[in-house]
Amino acid sequence: MVAMREFSHRNPPVFDGTSSDPLIADHWLAQIRKLFRALNITEDNIRVCIVAVQLVGEAGEWVESVLESRKDARRAARIAAQVNEPDVENLTWAEFEALFEDQYFPKTSCENLREQFEKLEQGNMTVSEYVQKFQSLSRFAPELLATEERKCRRFEKGLHNTVRRMVMVQRKMKFSKVVECARSIEIPKEAQRHTRVWEPRQPMGSLSSSSGSFGSQWRKRQREPSQQPSNQPSFKVPSSLGTRGASSRPSVVCYKCNQLGHIRAQCP
């Protein structure tokens, strides 16, 4: 009861087992281990009893099914008069960890997280976000970070090109110094939006020559008098317009006798 009271005063996290992210289960178990070490709780039976309280929802139903199955096995063992029967009390902490990891953090999840670490790059993340992701996934590939130098080089490999070049020049041999250097070089996202420039697809030499020829042609056209294209008809004032601007209608011609003054229907 004293151990339970001290444990509850630390606001321990609960786990319901509903998340599909295996890291959540792994982080929860790591936090429980940390509290057990801080409070010096070493007895297996006390650890199992305490951790069973912190499992709620689906996870609580799972641990209850585990304990009930051991009770049933103990009952069957008693009937058969066996000596080494399993029981709730002799469920060790190592056995619980193995059962929990098989249920919520299987080996396939560890392999997937290892692959994520091998392919990890900064991308759209800030340096701080990249550091957090790097440290979270690095423990799934410890052989890739066997030395401090290998850890630094692997971290530099995933940085942005502009940041990586400047960090690699420093050749820091301590991980904390590499992270500090990358953070000092990083350009904030707000400033990146203002510093982006348009990059032409064609080489700069051809761009300058083409822009220069375009400018000279434009200035030449400005100096030349405006001329109308030869294939477009020019507008002329009709000769039938009078001095006052009113047009005199042409005389009517008969299509039958070719005489003026009447139409074909009125031809005499």
Protein backbone atom coordinates (compact mmCIF):
# COMPACT_ATOMS: atom_id res chain seq x y z
CA MET A 1 0.00 0.00 0.00
CA VAL A 2 2.90 2.36 0.72
CA ALA A 3 4.40 1.63 -2.70
CA MET A 4 1.03 2.18 -4.38
CA ARG A 5 0.56 5.49 -2.58
CA GLU A 6 4.01 6.76 -3.51
CA PHE A 7 3.50 5.64 -7.08
CA SER A 8 0.13 7.39 -7.43
CA HIS A 9 1.59 10.65 -6.09
CA ARG A 10 3.83 10.82 -9.18
CA ASN A 11 0.81 11.07 -11.54
CA PRO A 12 1.70 7.96 -13.51
CA PRO A 13 0.35 7.66 -17.08
CA VAL A 14 -2.38 5.23 -18.02
CA PHE A 15 -2.57 3.14 -21.16
CA ASP A 16 -5.81 2.12 -22.90
CA GLY A 17 -4.38 0.24 -25.89
CA THR A 18 -6.54 2.00 -28.49
CA SER A 19 -3.77 3.73 -30.44
CA SER A 20 -2.37 2.06 -33.54
CA ASP A 21 1.00 3.76 -32.98
CA PRO A 22 3.31 1.24 -31.28
CA LEU A 23 5.54 4.05 -30.00
CA ILE A 24 2.80 5.13 -27.60
CA ALA A 25 2.86 1.72 -25.92
CA ASP A 26 6.65 1.73 -25.84
CA HIS A 27 6.80 5.23 -24.32
CA TRP A 28 4.24 4.29 -21.68
CA LEU A 29 6.20 1.21 -20.61
CA ALA A 30 9.43 3.23 -20.51
CA GLN A 31 7.76 5.79 -18.23
CA ILE A 32 6.52 3.05 -15.89
CA ARG A 33 10.04 1.57 -15.69
CA LYS A 34 11.42 5.01 -14.85
CA LEU A 35 8.97 5.45 -11.96
CA PHE A 36 9.74 2.00 -10.58
CA ARG A 37 13.47 2.81 -10.56
CA ALA A 38 12.90 6.22 -8.97
CA LEU A 39 10.77 4.73 -6.19
CA ASN A 40 13.01 1.67 -5.83
CA ILE A 41 10.12 -0.73 -6.38
CA THR A 42 11.85 -4.00 -7.23
CA GLU A 43 9.45 -6.76 -6.15
CA ASP A 44 7.82 -8.46 -9.13
CA ASN A 45 4.44 -9.03 -7.52
CA ILE A 46 4.16 -5.37 -6.45
CA ARG A 47 5.16 -4.15 -9.92
CA VAL A 48 2.59 -6.38 -11.61
CA CYS A 49 -0.19 -5.30 -9.24
CA ILE A 50 0.61 -1.61 -9.69
CA VAL A 51 0.93 -1.74 -13.47
CA ALA A 52 -2.37 -3.61 -13.77
CA VAL A 53 -4.08 -0.56 -12.25
CA GLN A 54 -2.54 1.72 -14.88
CA LEU A 55 -4.00 -0.35 -17.76
CA VAL A 56 -7.52 0.82 -18.60
CA GLY A 57 -10.06 0.22 -21.33
CA GLU A 58 -9.01 -2.40 -23.86
CA ALA A 59 -5.60 -2.76 -22.24
CA GLY A 60 -7.24 -3.34 -18.87
CA GLU A 61 -9.38 -6.10 -20.36
CA TRP A 62 -6.29 -7.63 -21.90
CA VAL A 63 -4.34 -7.80 -18.62
CA GLU A 64 -7.38 -9.22 -16.84
CA SER A 65 -7.60 -11.96 -19.44
CA VAL A 66 -3.90 -12.74 -18.91
CA LEU A 67 -4.34 -13.01 -15.16
CA GLU A 68 -7.51 -15.07 -15.48
CA SER A 69 -5.81 -17.50 -17.82
CA ARG A 70 -3.07 -18.01 -15.24
CA LYS A 71 -5.70 -18.62 -12.56
CA ASP A 72 -7.34 -21.24 -14.72
CA ALA A 73 -3.97 -22.86 -15.35
CA ARG A 74 -3.30 -22.90 -11.61
CA ARG A 75 -6.68 -24.47 -10.92
CA ALA A 76 -6.05 -27.16 -13.52
CA ALA A 77 -2.59 -27.77 -12.12
CA ARG A 78 -4.00 -28.23 -8.63
CA ILE A 79 -6.43 -30.81 -9.92
CA ALA A 80 -3.60 -32.66 -11.60
CA ALA A 81 -1.53 -32.34 -8.37
CA GLN A 82 1.32 -30.67 -10.12
CA VAL A 83 3.90 -28.77 -8.14
CA ASN A 84 5.08 -26.07 -10.58
CA GLU A 85 1.73 -24.55 -11.36
CA PRO A 86 1.54 -20.98 -12.74
CA ASP A 87 -0.11 -18.34 -10.58
CA VAL A 88 -0.82 -14.63 -10.50
CA GLU A 89 1.66 -14.15 -7.69
CA ASN A 90 4.53 -15.73 -9.60
CA LEU A 91 4.02 -13.65 -12.76
CA THR A 92 7.39 -11.92 -12.94
CA TRP A 93 7.93 -8.42 -14.26
CA ALA A 94 10.03 -9.79 -17.12
CA GLU A 95 7.16 -12.07 -18.12
CA PHE A 96 4.73 -9.17 -18.04
CA GLU A 97 7.01 -7.01 -20.20
CA ALA A 98 7.34 -9.83 -22.74
CA LEU A 99 3.56 -10.34 -22.87
CA PHE A 100 2.91 -6.60 -23.16
CA GLU A 101 5.43 -6.09 -25.95
CA ASP A 102 4.08 -9.08 -27.90
CA GLN A 103 0.61 -7.57 -27.64
CA TYR A 104 1.27 -3.87 -28.28
CA PHE A 105 4.85 -3.59 -29.54
CA PRO A 106 5.68 -6.63 -31.69
CA LYS A 107 8.99 -7.22 -33.47
CA THR A 108 7.53 -6.17 -36.81
CA SER A 109 6.95 -2.70 -35.36
CA CYS A 110 10.58 -2.52 -34.27
CA GLU A 111 11.72 -3.43 -37.78
CA ASN A 112 9.47 -0.77 -39.32
CA LEU A 113 10.81 1.86 -36.93
CA ARG A 114 14.36 0.83 -37.74
CA GLU A 115 13.67 1.35 -41.44
CA GLN A 116 12.16 4.76 -40.67
CA PHE A 117 15.37 5.74 -38.87
CA GLU A 118 17.55 4.56 -41.75
CA LYS A 119 15.55 6.76 -44.17
CA LEU A 120 15.04 9.69 -41.78
CA GLU A 121 15.61 13.17 -43.27
CA GLN A 122 14.79 16.64 -42.01
CA GLY A 123 12.37 17.44 -44.85
CA ASN A 124 9.87 20.09 -43.75
CA MET A 125 10.77 19.73 -40.06
CA THR A 126 12.71 22.28 -38.10
CA VAL A 127 16.06 21.27 -36.65
CA SER A 128 14.48 20.84 -33.20
CA GLU A 129 11.74 18.62 -34.61
CA TYR A 130 14.33 16.63 -36.54
CA VAL A 131 16.43 16.16 -33.38
CA GLN A 132 13.41 14.88 -31.48
CA LYS A 133 12.52 12.41 -34.24
CA PHE A 134 16.15 11.33 -34.56
CA GLN A 135 16.51 10.57 -30.85
CA SER A 136 13.15 8.82 -30.70
CA LEU A 137 14.00 6.40 -33.51
CA SER A 138 17.73 5.99 -32.92
CA ARG A 139 17.30 3.40 -30.19
CA PHE A 140 15.86 0.97 -32.73
CA ALA A 141 19.15 0.92 -34.64
CA PRO A 142 21.85 1.11 -31.95
CA GLU A 143 24.49 -0.57 -34.12
CA LEU A 144 24.33 2.35 -36.57
CA LEU A 145 25.29 4.73 -33.75
CA ALA A 146 27.96 2.67 -32.06
CA THR A 147 30.27 5.67 -31.60
CA GLU A 148 29.72 9.36 -31.05
CA GLU A 149 31.30 10.14 -34.41
CA ARG A 150 28.97 7.78 -36.29
CA LYS A 151 26.01 9.32 -34.52
CA CYS A 152 27.11 12.82 -35.57
CA ARG A 153 27.68 11.81 -39.19
CA ARG A 154 24.31 10.05 -39.39
CA PHE A 155 22.58 13.14 -37.98
CA GLU A 156 24.34 15.40 -40.48
CA LYS A 157 23.32 13.14 -43.35
CA GLY A 158 19.62 13.88 -42.80
CA LEU A 159 19.92 17.67 -42.55
CA HIS A 160 18.92 20.11 -45.29
CA ASN A 161 21.59 20.63 -47.93
CA THR A 162 22.31 24.23 -46.96
CA VAL A 163 22.54 23.41 -43.25
CA ARG A 164 24.44 20.16 -43.78
CA ARG A 165 27.24 21.76 -45.78
CA MET A 166 27.90 24.41 -43.14
CA VAL A 167 27.69 21.91 -40.27
CA MET A 168 30.04 19.43 -41.95
CA VAL A 169 32.64 22.18 -42.36
CA GLN A 170 32.73 22.54 -38.57
CA ARG A 171 33.41 18.79 -38.14
CA LYS A 172 32.05 18.66 -34.62
CA MET A 173 32.76 15.34 -32.90
CA LYS A 174 30.12 15.62 -30.16
CA PHE A 175 26.42 15.17 -30.88
CA SER A 176 25.28 18.05 -28.67
CA LYS A 177 27.71 20.40 -30.46
CA VAL A 178 26.45 19.29 -33.88
CA VAL A 179 22.85 19.95 -32.83
CA GLU A 180 23.78 23.37 -31.43
CA CYS A 181 25.61 24.26 -34.65
CA ALA A 182 22.66 23.18 -36.84
CA ARG A 183 20.22 25.24 -34.78
CA SER A 184 22.39 28.34 -35.04
CA ILE A 185 22.65 28.01 -38.83
CA GLU A 186 18.99 27.22 -39.47
CA ILE A 187 16.86 29.90 -41.14
CA PRO A 188 13.40 30.27 -39.55
CA LYS A 189 10.45 29.20 -41.68
CA GLU A 190 9.05 32.74 -41.69
CA ALA A 191 12.31 34.09 -43.11
CA GLN A 192 12.55 31.28 -45.67
CA ARG A 193 9.35 32.48 -47.34
CA HIS A 194 10.89 35.93 -47.87
CA THR A 195 14.26 34.68 -49.06
CA ARG A 196 13.05 32.37 -51.77
CA VAL A 197 13.89 33.56 -55.27
CA TRP A 198 12.73 32.43 -58.67
CA GLU A 199 15.26 30.21 -60.45
CA PRO A 200 15.05 30.12 -64.27
CA ARG A 201 15.08 26.78 -66.03
CA GLN A 202 17.57 27.91 -68.68
CA PRO A 203 21.18 28.86 -67.90
CA MET A 204 21.85 32.33 -66.61
CA GLY A 205 24.02 33.25 -69.63
CA SER A 206 21.26 32.53 -72.14
CA LEU A 207 18.77 34.34 -69.93
CA SER A 208 20.84 37.54 -69.83
CA SER A 209 21.50 37.50 -73.57
CA SER A 210 17.86 36.91 -74.39
CA SER A 211 16.71 39.60 -71.98
CA GLY A 212 19.24 42.04 -73.46
CA SER A 213 18.11 41.38 -77.02
CA PHE A 214 14.52 41.76 -75.97
CA GLY A 215 15.25 45.11 -74.36
CA SER A 216 17.09 46.41 -77.42
CA GLN A 217 14.26 45.32 -79.71
CA TRP A 218 11.72 47.07 -77.48
CA ARG A 219 13.72 50.32 -77.49
CA LYS A 220 14.07 50.11 -81.30
CA ARG A 221 10.32 49.76 -81.72
CA GLN A 222 9.76 52.75 -79.48
CA ARG A 223 11.93 54.93 -81.75
CA GLU A 224 10.30 53.75 -85.01
CA PRO A 225 7.06 55.41 -86.21
CA SER A 226 4.01 53.27 -85.92
CA GLN A 227 3.04 51.59 -89.17
CA GLN A 228 -0.02 49.60 -90.00
CA PRO A 229 0.37 46.09 -91.37
CA SER A 230 0.06 45.91 -95.15
CA ASN A 231 -2.45 43.08 -95.04
CA GLN A 232 -5.01 45.08 -93.05
CA PRO A 233 -7.27 47.47 -95.06
CA SER A 234 -7.09 51.10 -94.04
CA PHE A 235 -10.27 53.02 -93.33
CA LYS A 236 -11.13 55.76 -95.88
CA VAL A 237 -13.87 58.37 -95.73
CA PRO A 238 -16.56 57.59 -98.34
CA SER A 239 -16.61 60.04 -101.21
CA SER A 240 -20.38 60.30 -101.01
CA LEU A 241 -20.20 62.20 -97.71
CA GLY A 242 -21.27 65.80 -98.03
CA THR A 243 -19.80 68.80 -96.46
CA ARG A 244 -22.15 68.48 -93.51
CA GLY A 245 -21.28 64.83 -92.91
CA ALA A 246 -24.60 63.45 -94.24
CA SER A 247 -24.40 60.75 -96.93
CA SER A 248 -26.42 61.01 -100.18
CA ARG A 249 -28.03 57.68 -101.07
CA PRO A 250 -27.08 56.29 -104.54
CA SER A 251 -29.75 56.10 -107.27
CA VAL A 252 -31.76 52.87 -107.63
CA VAL A 253 -30.95 50.74 -110.76
CA CYS A 254 -33.40 48.35 -112.40
CA TYR A 255 -31.91 44.89 -112.97
CA LYS A 256 -34.19 44.36 -116.04
CA CYS A 257 -33.61 47.48 -118.17
CA ASN A 258 -30.60 48.90 -116.40
CA GLN A 259 -32.30 52.27 -116.10
CA LEU A 260 -32.17 54.52 -113.06
CA GLY A 261 -35.04 55.58 -110.91
CA HIS A 262 -37.03 52.36 -110.43
CA ILE A 263 -36.70 48.74 -109.44
CA ARG A 264 -37.40 45.57 -111.42
CA ALA A 265 -40.93 45.14 -110.05
CA GLN A 266 -41.86 48.68 -111.24
CA CYS A 267 -40.13 48.38 -114.63
CA PRO A 268 -42.47 49.78 -117.43
